[in-house]
Amino acid sequence: MNRRNFSAAMVAAAAASLISTRAFAADATPPKARNVVLVHGLFADGSCWLEVIPRLQAAGLNVTSVQNPLTTLPEAVASAKRVLDRQDGPTVFVGHSFSGMIVTEAGTHPNVSALVYVAARAPDANEDYTALAKTYPTPPASAGIVFDGDEGRLTEAAFLRDFAGDLPPEKAKALYAVQEPFHKALLAGKTTQAAWRSKPSFYAVSTEDRTINPDLERFMAKRMNAKTIELKSSHLSMISHPEEITQLILEAAGQRG
């Protein structure tokens, strides 16, 4: 075999290996898990999972909602890994919005049995997510981000309209009141690995999303070959559609399907 044919064979083998890995992630039945770790994204805190947590607990699952520091990606990943370290067996790792970055990076943890993305970022290893997002129309919420020095947040008008648009106003205002500011440095982080290439993955697309473009969500879900559901929802589907999100997590935990 000459050098050119040898190189071509190596490329083909690498591609076949990649396809095989992705097929495993999509087709494998997740191990039965009794633990769920939830991570929130920007403009929120751990309380954004309060509609889902009691439902998961009623199903007998041990649930932890991570308080994402929203400082830098490495610090956010480290915070999640400390929680994953404490789990006593197979664990479903769930991320909303920005925390899909954390799920993608930290999801290779040995305790993680499956990944669930809820209207979440799902980059590939070393991918520039910002550049990827720019290939789709800019969602309206982006115009509502304001900064106080290095700390960013959504204005109240943008939060109510573009982030939590299908929630009752009183609930949306309560969530706005607990909004945690994020640091500019957080947005500069890149994942170094993509857990969805080796773990069973699930994705909930929000079709009425005004924070992440729904077609971008569909692209990322399809690329990872995830089991995908679509919900007629704002960005906060775990609050407006908690039963559907709970059922998706239970499926990832091997408790239904």
C-alpha atoms as a PDB file:
ATOM      1  CA  MET A   1       0.000   0.000   0.000  1.00  0.00           C
ATOM      2  CA  ASN A   2       1.478   3.372  -0.989  1.00  0.00           C
ATOM      3  CA  ARG A   3       1.505   6.382   1.317  1.00  0.00           C
ATOM      4  CA  ARG A   4      -1.532   8.009  -0.301  1.00  0.00           C
ATOM      5  CA  ASN A   5      -3.637   4.858  -0.028  1.00  0.00           C
ATOM      6  CA  PHE A   6      -2.461   4.307   3.518  1.00  0.00           C
ATOM      7  CA  SER A   7      -3.507   7.862   4.500  1.00  0.00           C
ATOM      8  CA  ALA A   8      -6.889   7.413   2.850  1.00  0.00           C
ATOM      9  CA  ALA A   9      -7.405   4.162   4.712  1.00  0.00           C
ATOM     10  CA  MET A  10      -6.527   5.819   8.017  1.00  0.00           C
ATOM     11  CA  VAL A  11      -9.006   8.658   7.376  1.00  0.00           C
ATOM     12  CA  ALA A  12     -11.718   6.147   6.476  1.00  0.00           C
ATOM     13  CA  ALA A  13     -11.026   4.139   9.613  1.00  0.00           C
ATOM     14  CA  ALA A  14     -11.200   7.263  11.750  1.00  0.00           C
ATOM     15  CA  ALA A  15     -14.499   8.265  10.151  1.00  0.00           C
ATOM     16  CA  ALA A  16     -15.918   4.797  10.684  1.00  0.00           C
ATOM     17  CA  SER A  17     -14.869   4.917  14.311  1.00  0.00           C
ATOM     18  CA  LEU A  18     -16.566   8.306  14.741  1.00  0.00           C
ATOM     19  CA  ILE A  19     -19.791   7.072  13.168  1.00  0.00           C
ATOM     20  CA  SER A  20     -19.706   3.972  15.353  1.00  0.00           C
ATOM     21  CA  THR A  21     -19.236   6.072  18.485  1.00  0.00           C
ATOM     22  CA  ARG A  22     -22.141   8.341  17.575  1.00  0.00           C
ATOM     23  CA  ALA A  23     -24.350   5.367  16.709  1.00  0.00           C
ATOM     24  CA  PHE A  24     -23.622   3.855  20.114  1.00  0.00           C
ATOM     25  CA  ALA A  25     -24.636   7.097  21.810  1.00  0.00           C
ATOM     26  CA  ALA A  26     -27.919   7.211  19.923  1.00  0.00           C
ATOM     27  CA  ASP A  27     -28.928   3.566  19.922  1.00  0.00           C
ATOM     28  CA  ALA A  28     -27.746   2.345  23.311  1.00  0.00           C
ATOM     29  CA  THR A  29     -30.334   1.821  26.030  1.00  0.00           C
ATOM     30  CA  PRO A  30     -29.191   3.916  28.998  1.00  0.00           C
ATOM     31  CA  PRO A  31     -28.372   2.009  32.172  1.00  0.00           C
ATOM     32  CA  LYS A  32     -31.041   2.351  34.826  1.00  0.00           C
ATOM     33  CA  ALA A  33     -30.108   5.353  36.945  1.00  0.00           C
ATOM     34  CA  ARG A  34     -31.294   6.464  40.357  1.00  0.00           C
ATOM     35  CA  ASN A  35     -29.547   9.846  40.348  1.00  0.00           C
ATOM     36  CA  VAL A  36     -30.222  13.024  38.391  1.00  0.00           C
ATOM     37  CA  VAL A  37     -27.992  16.107  38.397  1.00  0.00           C
ATOM     38  CA  LEU A  38     -29.542  19.297  36.988  1.00  0.00           C
ATOM     39  CA  VAL A  39     -27.648  22.412  35.934  1.00  0.00           C
ATOM     40  CA  HIS A  40     -29.123  25.834  35.158  1.00  0.00           C
ATOM     41  CA  GLY A  41     -27.961  28.287  32.523  1.00  0.00           C
ATOM     42  CA  LEU A  42     -27.727  32.061  32.206  1.00  0.00           C
ATOM     43  CA  PHE A  43     -30.315  34.425  33.702  1.00  0.00           C
ATOM     44  CA  ALA A  44     -31.328  31.824  36.306  1.00  0.00           C
ATOM     45  CA  ASP A  45     -30.375  29.867  39.400  1.00  0.00           C
ATOM     46  CA  GLY A  46     -31.026  26.350  40.648  1.00  0.00           C
ATOM     47  CA  SER A  47     -34.649  27.169  41.490  1.00  0.00           C
ATOM     48  CA  CYS A  48     -35.561  27.033  37.795  1.00  0.00           C
ATOM     49  CA  TRP A  49     -35.891  23.232  38.210  1.00  0.00           C
ATOM     50  CA  LEU A  50     -38.489  23.395  41.008  1.00  0.00           C
ATOM     51  CA  GLU A  51     -41.319  22.171  38.779  1.00  0.00           C
ATOM     52  CA  VAL A  52     -39.310  19.119  37.699  1.00  0.00           C
ATOM     53  CA  ILE A  53     -37.551  18.118  40.937  1.00  0.00           C
ATOM     54  CA  PRO A  54     -40.655  16.916  42.881  1.00  0.00           C
ATOM     55  CA  ARG A  55     -41.794  14.849  39.893  1.00  0.00           C
ATOM     56  CA  LEU A  56     -38.418  13.122  39.675  1.00  0.00           C
ATOM     57  CA  GLN A  57     -38.347  12.559  43.422  1.00  0.00           C
ATOM     58  CA  ALA A  58     -41.836  11.032  43.265  1.00  0.00           C
ATOM     59  CA  ALA A  59     -40.399   8.530  40.774  1.00  0.00           C
ATOM     60  CA  GLY A  60     -37.814   7.510  43.371  1.00  0.00           C
ATOM     61  CA  LEU A  61     -34.843   9.404  41.951  1.00  0.00           C
ATOM     62  CA  ASN A  62     -32.170  11.184  43.952  1.00  0.00           C
ATOM     63  CA  VAL A  63     -32.006  14.728  42.552  1.00  0.00           C
ATOM     64  CA  THR A  64     -29.432  17.506  42.931  1.00  0.00           C
ATOM     65  CA  SER A  65     -29.690  20.962  41.366  1.00  0.00           C
ATOM     66  CA  VAL A  66     -26.239  22.490  40.923  1.00  0.00           C
ATOM     67  CA  GLN A  67     -25.786  26.174  41.680  1.00  0.00           C
ATOM     68  CA  ASN A  68     -23.787  27.157  38.598  1.00  0.00           C
ATOM     69  CA  PRO A  69     -21.345  29.959  39.587  1.00  0.00           C
ATOM     70  CA  LEU A  70     -21.663  31.622  36.129  1.00  0.00           C
ATOM     71  CA  THR A  71     -18.072  32.867  36.364  1.00  0.00           C
ATOM     72  CA  THR A  72     -15.918  30.906  33.905  1.00  0.00           C
ATOM     73  CA  LEU A  73     -16.557  27.654  32.064  1.00  0.00           C
ATOM     74  CA  PRO A  74     -13.781  25.771  33.943  1.00  0.00           C
ATOM     75  CA  GLU A  75     -15.198  26.907  37.297  1.00  0.00           C
ATOM     76  CA  ALA A  76     -18.733  25.971  36.257  1.00  0.00           C
ATOM     77  CA  VAL A  77     -17.553  22.547  35.082  1.00  0.00           C
ATOM     78  CA  ALA A  78     -15.645  22.019  38.337  1.00  0.00           C
ATOM     79  CA  SER A  79     -18.753  22.884  40.344  1.00  0.00           C
ATOM     80  CA  ALA A  80     -20.790  20.286  38.458  1.00  0.00           C
ATOM     81  CA  LYS A  81     -18.048  17.649  38.708  1.00  0.00           C
ATOM     82  CA  ARG A  82     -17.975  17.979  42.492  1.00  0.00           C
ATOM     83  CA  VAL A  83     -21.663  17.071  42.531  1.00  0.00           C
ATOM     84  CA  LEU A  84     -21.160  14.211  40.059  1.00  0.00           C
ATOM     85  CA  ASP A  85     -18.373  12.868  42.286  1.00  0.00           C
ATOM     86  CA  ARG A  86     -20.889  12.497  45.128  1.00  0.00           C
ATOM     87  CA  GLN A  87     -23.337  10.357  43.164  1.00  0.00           C
ATOM     88  CA  ASP A  88     -23.446   6.686  44.127  1.00  0.00           C
ATOM     89  CA  GLY A  89     -24.013   5.175  40.691  1.00  0.00           C
ATOM     90  CA  PRO A  90     -25.402   5.829  37.214  1.00  0.00           C
ATOM     91  CA  THR A  91     -26.511   9.445  36.910  1.00  0.00           C
ATOM     92  CA  VAL A  92     -28.516  11.364  34.319  1.00  0.00           C
ATOM     93  CA  PHE A  93     -26.840  14.717  33.697  1.00  0.00           C
ATOM     94  CA  VAL A  94     -29.271  17.435  32.592  1.00  0.00           C
ATOM     95  CA  GLY A  95     -28.484  20.933  31.350  1.00  0.00           C
ATOM     96  CA  HIS A  96     -30.629  23.887  30.341  1.00  0.00           C
ATOM     97  CA  SER A  97     -29.526  26.635  27.966  1.00  0.00           C
ATOM     98  CA  PHE A  98     -25.868  27.640  28.499  1.00  0.00           C
ATOM     99  CA  SER A  99     -25.288  24.695  30.835  1.00  0.00           C
ATOM    100  CA  GLY A 100     -25.347  22.421  27.815  1.00  0.00           C
ATOM    101  CA  MET A 101     -21.706  23.510  27.628  1.00  0.00           C
ATOM    102  CA  ILE A 102     -21.184  22.036  31.090  1.00  0.00           C
ATOM    103  CA  VAL A 103     -23.024  18.820  30.240  1.00  0.00           C
ATOM    104  CA  THR A 104     -20.943  18.459  27.073  1.00  0.00           C
ATOM    105  CA  GLU A 105     -17.650  18.984  28.906  1.00  0.00           C
ATOM    106  CA  ALA A 106     -18.284  17.255  32.248  1.00  0.00           C
ATOM    107  CA  GLY A 107     -20.588  14.560  30.881  1.00  0.00           C
ATOM    108  CA  THR A 108     -17.662  12.218  30.281  1.00  0.00           C
ATOM    109  CA  HIS A 109     -17.558  11.721  34.069  1.00  0.00           C
ATOM    110  CA  PRO A 110     -17.733   7.970  34.832  1.00  0.00           C
ATOM    111  CA  ASN A 111     -20.895   8.362  36.924  1.00  0.00           C
ATOM    112  CA  VAL A 112     -22.812   9.876  33.994  1.00  0.00           C
ATOM    113  CA  SER A 113     -24.986   7.311  32.216  1.00  0.00           C
ATOM    114  CA  ALA A 114     -26.968   9.631  29.927  1.00  0.00           C
ATOM    115  CA  LEU A 115     -27.211  13.279  28.922  1.00  0.00           C
ATOM    116  CA  VAL A 116     -30.321  15.447  28.606  1.00  0.00           C
ATOM    117  CA  TYR A 117     -30.231  18.831  26.878  1.00  0.00           C
ATOM    118  CA  VAL A 118     -33.174  21.187  27.488  1.00  0.00           C
ATOM    119  CA  ALA A 119     -33.140  23.981  24.883  1.00  0.00           C
ATOM    120  CA  ALA A 120     -29.397  23.852  25.468  1.00  0.00           C
ATOM    121  CA  ARG A 121     -26.092  24.545  23.797  1.00  0.00           C
ATOM    122  CA  ALA A 122     -24.453  21.350  22.548  1.00  0.00           C
ATOM    123  CA  PRO A 123     -21.082  22.209  20.995  1.00  0.00           C
ATOM    124  CA  ASP A 124     -18.576  19.782  19.622  1.00  0.00           C
ATOM    125  CA  ALA A 125     -15.097  19.556  21.134  1.00  0.00           C
ATOM    126  CA  ASN A 126     -13.182  22.822  20.635  1.00  0.00           C
ATOM    127  CA  GLU A 127     -16.064  24.292  18.622  1.00  0.00           C
ATOM    128  CA  ASP A 128     -16.714  28.032  18.685  1.00  0.00           C
ATOM    129  CA  TYR A 129     -20.357  28.022  19.759  1.00  0.00           C
ATOM    130  CA  THR A 130     -20.737  31.762  19.140  1.00  0.00           C
ATOM    131  CA  ALA A 131     -19.628  31.319  15.543  1.00  0.00           C
ATOM    132  CA  LEU A 132     -22.020  28.388  15.136  1.00  0.00           C
ATOM    133  CA  ALA A 133     -24.916  30.412  16.545  1.00  0.00           C
ATOM    134  CA  LYS A 134     -24.207  33.248  14.113  1.00  0.00           C
ATOM    135  CA  THR A 135     -25.049  30.952  11.201  1.00  0.00           C
ATOM    136  CA  TYR A 136     -28.693  31.217  12.348  1.00  0.00           C
ATOM    137  CA  PRO A 137     -30.871  34.337  12.834  1.00  0.00           C
ATOM    138  CA  THR A 138     -30.075  36.108  16.103  1.00  0.00           C
ATOM    139  CA  PRO A 139     -32.757  35.390  18.732  1.00  0.00           C
ATOM    140  CA  PRO A 140     -34.535  38.446  20.219  1.00  0.00           C
ATOM    141  CA  ALA A 141     -33.297  37.910  23.790  1.00  0.00           C
ATOM    142  CA  SER A 142     -29.735  38.789  22.749  1.00  0.00           C
ATOM    143  CA  ALA A 143     -30.735  42.447  22.385  1.00  0.00           C
ATOM    144  CA  GLY A 144     -31.944  42.484  26.000  1.00  0.00           C
ATOM    145  CA  ILE A 145     -28.602  41.663  27.634  1.00  0.00           C
ATOM    146  CA  VAL A 146     -27.109  44.558  29.601  1.00  0.00           C
ATOM    147  CA  PHE A 147     -23.806  44.735  31.473  1.00  0.00           C
ATOM    148  CA  ASP A 148     -22.758  46.296  34.748  1.00  0.00           C
ATOM    149  CA  GLY A 149     -19.004  46.151  34.306  1.00  0.00           C
ATOM    150  CA  ASP A 150     -18.182  42.481  33.745  1.00  0.00           C
ATOM    151  CA  GLU A 151     -21.572  41.191  34.883  1.00  0.00           C
ATOM    152  CA  GLY A 152     -24.379  40.583  32.383  1.00  0.00           C
ATOM    153  CA  ARG A 153     -28.111  40.053  32.852  1.00  0.00           C
ATOM    154  CA  LEU A 154     -31.398  40.352  30.981  1.00  0.00           C
ATOM    155  CA  THR A 155     -33.553  43.423  31.348  1.00  0.00           C
ATOM    156  CA  GLU A 156     -36.937  42.797  32.920  1.00  0.00           C
ATOM    157  CA  ALA A 157     -38.732  43.450  29.630  1.00  0.00           C
ATOM    158  CA  ALA A 158     -36.536  40.970  27.745  1.00  0.00           C
ATOM    159  CA  PHE A 159     -36.788  38.407  30.543  1.00  0.00           C
ATOM    160  CA  LEU A 160     -40.587  38.471  30.546  1.00  0.00           C
ATOM    161  CA  ARG A 161     -40.981  38.609  26.755  1.00  0.00           C
ATOM    162  CA  ASP A 162     -38.042  36.633  25.337  1.00  0.00           C
ATOM    163  CA  PHE A 163     -36.932  34.279  28.103  1.00  0.00           C
ATOM    164  CA  ALA A 164     -40.111  33.329  29.954  1.00  0.00           C
ATOM    165  CA  GLY A 165     -42.713  34.363  27.406  1.00  0.00           C
ATOM    166  CA  ASP A 166     -45.202  31.542  27.982  1.00  0.00           C
ATOM    167  CA  LEU A 167     -45.217  31.694  31.789  1.00  0.00           C
ATOM    168  CA  PRO A 168     -47.816  33.506  33.909  1.00  0.00           C
ATOM    169  CA  PRO A 169     -46.501  37.049  34.512  1.00  0.00           C
ATOM    170  CA  GLU A 170     -46.348  36.614  38.289  1.00  0.00           C
ATOM    171  CA  LYS A 171     -44.205  33.485  37.944  1.00  0.00           C
ATOM    172  CA  ALA A 172     -41.955  35.090  35.330  1.00  0.00           C
ATOM    173  CA  LYS A 173     -41.438  38.120  37.595  1.00  0.00           C
ATOM    174  CA  ALA A 174     -40.498  35.888  40.507  1.00  0.00           C
ATOM    175  CA  LEU A 175     -37.905  34.156  38.335  1.00  0.00           C
ATOM    176  CA  TYR A 176     -36.604  37.535  37.205  1.00  0.00           C
ATOM    177  CA  ALA A 177     -36.132  38.482  40.862  1.00  0.00           C
ATOM    178  CA  VAL A 178     -33.722  35.552  41.415  1.00  0.00           C
ATOM    179  CA  GLN A 179     -31.806  36.050  38.162  1.00  0.00           C
ATOM    180  CA  GLU A 180     -28.076  35.517  38.731  1.00  0.00           C
ATOM    181  CA  PRO A 181     -25.730  37.758  36.696  1.00  0.00           C
ATOM    182  CA  PHE A 182     -23.099  36.019  34.578  1.00  0.00           C
ATOM    183  CA  HIS A 183     -19.491  37.061  34.018  1.00  0.00           C
ATOM    184  CA  LYS A 184     -18.292  38.019  30.549  1.00  0.00           C
ATOM    185  CA  ALA A 185     -15.455  35.499  30.894  1.00  0.00           C
ATOM    186  CA  LEU A 186     -18.012  32.678  30.978  1.00  0.00           C
ATOM    187  CA  LEU A 187     -18.916  33.258  27.340  1.00  0.00           C
ATOM    188  CA  ALA A 188     -15.298  32.920  26.195  1.00  0.00           C
ATOM    189  CA  GLY A 189     -15.014  29.290  27.270  1.00  0.00           C
ATOM    190  CA  LYS A 190     -14.815  26.385  24.822  1.00  0.00           C
ATOM    191  CA  THR A 191     -15.466  22.729  25.486  1.00  0.00           C
ATOM    192  CA  THR A 192     -12.458  20.458  25.048  1.00  0.00           C
ATOM    193  CA  GLN A 193     -14.497  17.268  24.640  1.00  0.00           C
ATOM    194  CA  ALA A 194     -18.012  16.297  23.584  1.00  0.00           C
ATOM    195  CA  ALA A 195     -19.638  13.805  25.929  1.00  0.00           C
ATOM    196  CA  TRP A 196     -22.535  13.319  23.519  1.00  0.00           C
ATOM    197  CA  ARG A 197     -20.210  11.399  21.215  1.00  0.00           C
ATOM    198  CA  SER A 198     -19.988   8.542  23.727  1.00  0.00           C
ATOM    199  CA  LYS A 199     -23.088   8.806  25.975  1.00  0.00           C
ATOM    200  CA  PRO A 200     -26.782   8.238  25.182  1.00  0.00           C
ATOM    201  CA  SER A 201     -28.228  11.701  24.562  1.00  0.00           C
ATOM    202  CA  PHE A 202     -31.690  13.278  24.698  1.00  0.00           C
ATOM    203  CA  TYR A 203     -32.803  16.732  23.572  1.00  0.00           C
ATOM    204  CA  ALA A 204     -35.909  18.875  24.178  1.00  0.00           C
ATOM    205  CA  VAL A 205     -36.344  21.545  21.495  1.00  0.00           C
ATOM    206  CA  SER A 206     -38.401  24.649  22.374  1.00  0.00           C
ATOM    207  CA  THR A 207     -40.200  25.595  19.173  1.00  0.00           C
ATOM    208  CA  GLU A 208     -41.144  29.104  20.404  1.00  0.00           C
ATOM    209  CA  ASP A 209     -37.686  29.849  21.810  1.00  0.00           C
ATOM    210  CA  ARG A 210     -36.577  33.489  21.651  1.00  0.00           C
ATOM    211  CA  THR A 211     -33.272  32.907  23.502  1.00  0.00           C
ATOM    212  CA  ILE A 212     -31.695  30.161  21.372  1.00  0.00           C
ATOM    213  CA  ASN A 213     -32.842  29.797  17.774  1.00  0.00           C
ATOM    214  CA  PRO A 214     -35.071  26.686  17.540  1.00  0.00           C
ATOM    215  CA  ASP A 215     -33.475  25.646  14.253  1.00  0.00           C
ATOM    216  CA  LEU A 216     -30.063  25.758  15.921  1.00  0.00           C
ATOM    217  CA  GLU A 217     -31.457  23.503  18.662  1.00  0.00           C
ATOM    218  CA  ARG A 218     -32.729  21.101  15.990  1.00  0.00           C
ATOM    219  CA  PHE A 219     -29.337  21.112  14.266  1.00  0.00           C
ATOM    220  CA  MET A 220     -27.472  20.287  17.471  1.00  0.00           C
ATOM    221  CA  ALA A 221     -29.950  17.566  18.430  1.00  0.00           C
ATOM    222  CA  LYS A 222     -29.719  15.966  14.992  1.00  0.00           C
ATOM    223  CA  ARG A 223     -25.920  16.199  14.924  1.00  0.00           C
ATOM    224  CA  MET A 224     -25.629  14.323  18.216  1.00  0.00           C
ATOM    225  CA  ASN A 225     -28.243  11.809  17.013  1.00  0.00           C
ATOM    226  CA  ALA A 226     -30.210  12.471  20.192  1.00  0.00           C
ATOM    227  CA  LYS A 227     -33.644  11.145  21.058  1.00  0.00           C
ATOM    228  CA  THR A 228     -35.504  14.410  20.441  1.00  0.00           C
ATOM    229  CA  ILE A 229     -38.842  15.860  21.475  1.00  0.00           C
ATOM    230  CA  GLU A 230     -40.281  19.205  20.406  1.00  0.00           C
ATOM    231  CA  LEU A 231     -42.362  21.339  22.757  1.00  0.00           C
ATOM    232  CA  LYS A 232     -44.377  24.432  21.892  1.00  0.00           C
ATOM    233  CA  SER A 233     -42.586  26.370  24.570  1.00  0.00           C
ATOM    234  CA  SER A 234     -40.507  29.372  25.468  1.00  0.00           C
ATOM    235  CA  HIS A 235     -36.898  28.893  26.511  1.00  0.00           C
ATOM    236  CA  LEU A 236     -38.091  27.742  29.956  1.00  0.00           C
ATOM    237  CA  SER A 237     -39.740  24.481  28.948  1.00  0.00           C
ATOM    238  CA  MET A 238     -38.856  22.827  32.256  1.00  0.00           C
ATOM    239  CA  ILE A 239     -41.226  25.329  33.896  1.00  0.00           C
ATOM    240  CA  SER A 240     -43.979  25.605  31.280  1.00  0.00           C
ATOM    241  CA  HIS A 241     -43.851  21.884  30.324  1.00  0.00           C
ATOM    242  CA  PRO A 242     -42.447  20.145  33.422  1.00  0.00           C
ATOM    243  CA  GLU A 243     -44.266  16.853  32.848  1.00  0.00           C
ATOM    244  CA  GLU A 244     -42.803  16.394  29.363  1.00  0.00           C
ATOM    245  CA  ILE A 245     -39.294  17.294  30.554  1.00  0.00           C
ATOM    246  CA  THR A 246     -39.672  14.916  33.502  1.00  0.00           C
ATOM    247  CA  GLN A 247     -40.708  12.078  31.205  1.00  0.00           C
ATOM    248  CA  LEU A 248     -37.695  12.702  28.955  1.00  0.00           C
ATOM    249  CA  ILE A 249     -35.380  12.548  31.969  1.00  0.00           C
ATOM    250  CA  LEU A 250     -37.071   9.363  33.176  1.00  0.00           C
ATOM    251  CA  GLU A 251     -36.498   7.831  29.752  1.00  0.00           C
ATOM    252  CA  ALA A 252     -32.825   8.785  29.989  1.00  0.00           C
ATOM    253  CA  ALA A 253     -32.803   7.131  33.422  1.00  0.00           C
ATOM    254  CA  GLY A 254     -34.052   3.879  31.907  1.00  0.00           C
ATOM    255  CA  GLN A 255     -37.406   4.130  33.690  1.00  0.00           C
ATOM    256  CA  ARG A 256     -39.639   4.366  30.628  1.00  0.00           C
ATOM    257  CA  GLY A 257     -39.443   4.227  26.877  1.00  0.00           C
END
